[in-house]
């Protein structure tokens, strides 16, 4: 069994692809958890500059 490590978020284009990805990871010993994306939630490769500004203003 793998030691506990930080989690990752993986996105798939549809439910079928998500299930294939999940099964593939579990067959390799990874623990998976399927979550439904709530309306308004976005996953992007690049952070929105406005978000970066808000986070920087907090620290």
N, C-alpha and C. Protein backbone atom coordinates (compact mmCIF):
# COMPACT_ATOMS: atom_id res chain seq x y z
N UNK A 1 0.84 -1.18 0.00
CA UNK A 1 0.00 0.00 0.00
C UNK A 1 0.88 1.24 0.00
N UNK A 2 0.42 2.27 -0.69
CA UNK A 2 1.17 3.53 -0.77
C UNK A 2 1.05 4.31 0.53
N UNK A 3 2.15 4.95 0.97
CA UNK A 3 2.01 5.82 2.14
C UNK A 3 1.11 7.00 1.78
N UNK A 4 0.51 7.63 2.77
CA UNK A 4 -0.35 8.77 2.49
C UNK A 4 0.45 9.90 1.88
N UNK A 5 -0.07 10.45 0.81
CA UNK A 5 0.57 11.57 0.12
C UNK A 5 -0.49 12.60 -0.19
N UNK A 6 -0.07 13.83 -0.49
CA UNK A 6 -1.05 14.86 -0.83
C UNK A 6 -1.92 14.41 -2.00
N UNK A 7 -3.18 14.81 -1.99
CA UNK A 7 -4.11 14.43 -3.04
C UNK A 7 -3.94 15.26 -4.30
N UNK A 8 -4.62 14.83 -5.32
CA UNK A 8 -4.62 15.52 -6.62
C UNK A 8 -6.04 15.61 -7.11
N UNK A 9 -6.31 16.62 -7.88
CA UNK A 9 -7.61 16.75 -8.54
C UNK A 9 -7.41 16.47 -10.01
N UNK A 10 -8.18 15.55 -10.52
CA UNK A 10 -8.12 15.22 -11.94
C UNK A 10 -9.48 15.47 -12.55
N UNK A 11 -9.48 16.06 -13.74
CA UNK A 11 -10.72 16.37 -14.42
C UNK A 11 -10.82 15.54 -15.69
N UNK A 12 -12.03 15.14 -16.02
CA UNK A 12 -12.28 14.35 -17.23
C UNK A 12 -13.38 15.05 -18.03
N UNK A 13 -13.38 14.84 -19.34
CA UNK A 13 -14.36 15.53 -20.18
C UNK A 13 -15.79 15.05 -19.99
N UNK A 14 -15.98 13.82 -19.49
CA UNK A 14 -17.33 13.31 -19.27
C UNK A 14 -17.29 12.18 -18.25
N UNK A 15 -18.47 11.73 -17.83
CA UNK A 15 -18.56 10.71 -16.77
C UNK A 15 -17.91 9.39 -17.18
N UNK A 16 -18.02 9.01 -18.44
CA UNK A 16 -17.43 7.76 -18.90
C UNK A 16 -15.90 7.80 -18.81
N UNK A 17 -15.32 8.89 -19.28
CA UNK A 17 -13.86 9.05 -19.22
C UNK A 17 -13.40 9.12 -17.77
N UNK A 18 -14.18 9.79 -16.92
CA UNK A 18 -13.84 9.88 -15.50
C UNK A 18 -13.82 8.50 -14.86
N UNK A 19 -14.79 7.67 -15.20
CA UNK A 19 -14.85 6.32 -14.63
C UNK A 19 -13.66 5.47 -15.09
N UNK A 20 -13.29 5.59 -16.35
CA UNK A 20 -12.12 4.84 -16.86
C UNK A 20 -10.85 5.28 -16.14
N UNK A 21 -10.70 6.58 -15.95
CA UNK A 21 -9.53 7.11 -15.25
C UNK A 21 -9.51 6.61 -13.81
N UNK A 22 -10.65 6.67 -13.14
CA UNK A 22 -10.75 6.22 -11.76
C UNK A 22 -10.40 4.74 -11.63
N UNK A 23 -10.94 3.91 -12.50
CA UNK A 23 -10.65 2.48 -12.45
C UNK A 23 -9.17 2.20 -12.72
N UNK A 24 -8.59 2.92 -13.65
CA UNK A 24 -7.17 2.74 -13.95
C UNK A 24 -6.29 3.08 -12.76
N UNK A 25 -6.62 4.18 -12.09
CA UNK A 25 -5.84 4.57 -10.91
C UNK A 25 -6.01 3.57 -9.77
N UNK A 26 -7.25 3.14 -9.53
CA UNK A 26 -7.48 2.18 -8.45
C UNK A 26 -6.80 0.84 -8.72
N UNK A 27 -6.71 0.44 -10.00
CA UNK A 27 -6.04 -0.82 -10.32
C UNK A 27 -4.55 -0.75 -10.02
N UNK A 28 -4.02 0.47 -9.89
CA UNK A 28 -2.60 0.67 -9.56
C UNK A 28 -2.40 0.96 -8.08
N UNK A 29 -3.47 0.82 -7.28
CA UNK A 29 -3.34 0.97 -5.84
C UNK A 29 -3.65 2.36 -5.31
N UNK A 30 -4.11 3.26 -6.15
CA UNK A 30 -4.45 4.60 -5.69
C UNK A 30 -5.88 4.62 -5.15
N UNK A 31 -6.09 5.39 -4.11
CA UNK A 31 -7.42 5.61 -3.57
C UNK A 31 -8.06 6.75 -4.35
N UNK A 32 -9.27 6.57 -4.84
CA UNK A 32 -9.93 7.63 -5.59
C UNK A 32 -11.24 8.01 -4.92
N UNK A 33 -11.66 9.22 -5.16
CA UNK A 33 -12.92 9.74 -4.66
C UNK A 33 -13.53 10.55 -5.79
N UNK A 34 -14.74 10.22 -6.18
CA UNK A 34 -15.41 10.91 -7.26
C UNK A 34 -16.26 12.05 -6.69
N UNK A 35 -16.05 13.23 -7.21
CA UNK A 35 -16.82 14.40 -6.80
C UNK A 35 -17.51 15.00 -8.01
N UNK A 36 -18.70 15.48 -7.81
CA UNK A 36 -19.40 16.19 -8.87
C UNK A 36 -19.06 17.67 -8.77
N UNK A 37 -18.81 18.28 -9.91
CA UNK A 37 -18.47 19.70 -9.94
C UNK A 37 -19.75 20.50 -9.76
N UNK A 38 -19.71 21.43 -8.83
CA UNK A 38 -20.87 22.27 -8.58
C UNK A 38 -20.95 23.38 -9.63
N UNK A 39 -22.14 23.83 -9.95
CA UNK A 39 -22.28 24.93 -10.91
C UNK A 39 -21.46 26.14 -10.48
N UNK A 40 -20.78 26.74 -11.43
CA UNK A 40 -19.97 27.91 -11.14
C UNK A 40 -18.52 27.61 -10.80
N UNK A 41 -18.18 26.35 -10.52
CA UNK A 41 -16.81 25.98 -10.21
C UNK A 41 -16.05 25.79 -11.51
N UNK A 42 -14.84 26.34 -11.57
CA UNK A 42 -14.03 26.23 -12.78
C UNK A 42 -12.69 25.59 -12.43
N UNK A 43 -12.19 24.76 -13.32
CA UNK A 43 -10.85 24.21 -13.18
C UNK A 43 -10.03 24.67 -14.36
N UNK A 44 -8.95 25.38 -14.09
CA UNK A 44 -8.14 25.95 -15.16
C UNK A 44 -6.66 25.67 -14.92
N UNK A 45 -5.93 25.55 -16.01
CA UNK A 45 -4.48 25.31 -15.92
C UNK A 45 -3.74 26.56 -15.43
N UNK A 46 -4.26 27.72 -15.75
CA UNK A 46 -3.65 28.98 -15.33
C UNK A 46 -4.61 29.71 -14.40
N UNK A 47 -4.08 30.22 -13.32
CA UNK A 47 -4.92 30.96 -12.38
C UNK A 47 -5.35 32.29 -12.99
N UNK A 48 -6.57 32.66 -12.72
CA UNK A 48 -7.09 33.97 -13.14
C UNK A 48 -6.28 35.04 -12.41
N UNK A 49 -5.73 36.02 -13.12
CA UNK A 49 -4.91 37.05 -12.47
C UNK A 49 -5.65 37.77 -11.34
N UNK A 50 -6.97 37.90 -11.46
CA UNK A 50 -7.74 38.56 -10.39
C UNK A 50 -7.67 37.74 -9.10
N UNK A 51 -7.74 36.41 -9.23
CA UNK A 51 -7.65 35.55 -8.06
C UNK A 51 -6.28 35.67 -7.42
N UNK A 52 -5.24 35.67 -8.24
CA UNK A 52 -3.87 35.82 -7.72
C UNK A 52 -3.74 37.12 -6.92
N UNK A 53 -4.33 38.18 -7.45
CA UNK A 53 -4.28 39.47 -6.75
C UNK A 53 -5.00 39.43 -5.41
N UNK A 54 -6.15 38.75 -5.37
CA UNK A 54 -6.89 38.64 -4.11
C UNK A 54 -6.10 37.85 -3.09
N UNK A 55 -5.49 36.75 -3.53
CA UNK A 55 -4.72 35.91 -2.60
C UNK A 55 -3.50 36.68 -2.10
N UNK A 56 -2.80 37.36 -3.01
CA UNK A 56 -1.62 38.14 -2.60
C UNK A 56 -1.98 39.24 -1.61
N UNK A 57 -3.17 39.83 -1.77
CA UNK A 57 -3.59 40.89 -0.87
C UNK A 57 -3.83 40.38 0.55
N UNK A 58 -4.12 39.08 0.69
CA UNK A 58 -4.39 38.51 2.01
C UNK A 58 -3.13 38.17 2.78
N UNK A 59 -2.02 38.02 2.11
CA UNK A 59 -0.79 37.60 2.81
C UNK A 59 0.23 38.69 2.91
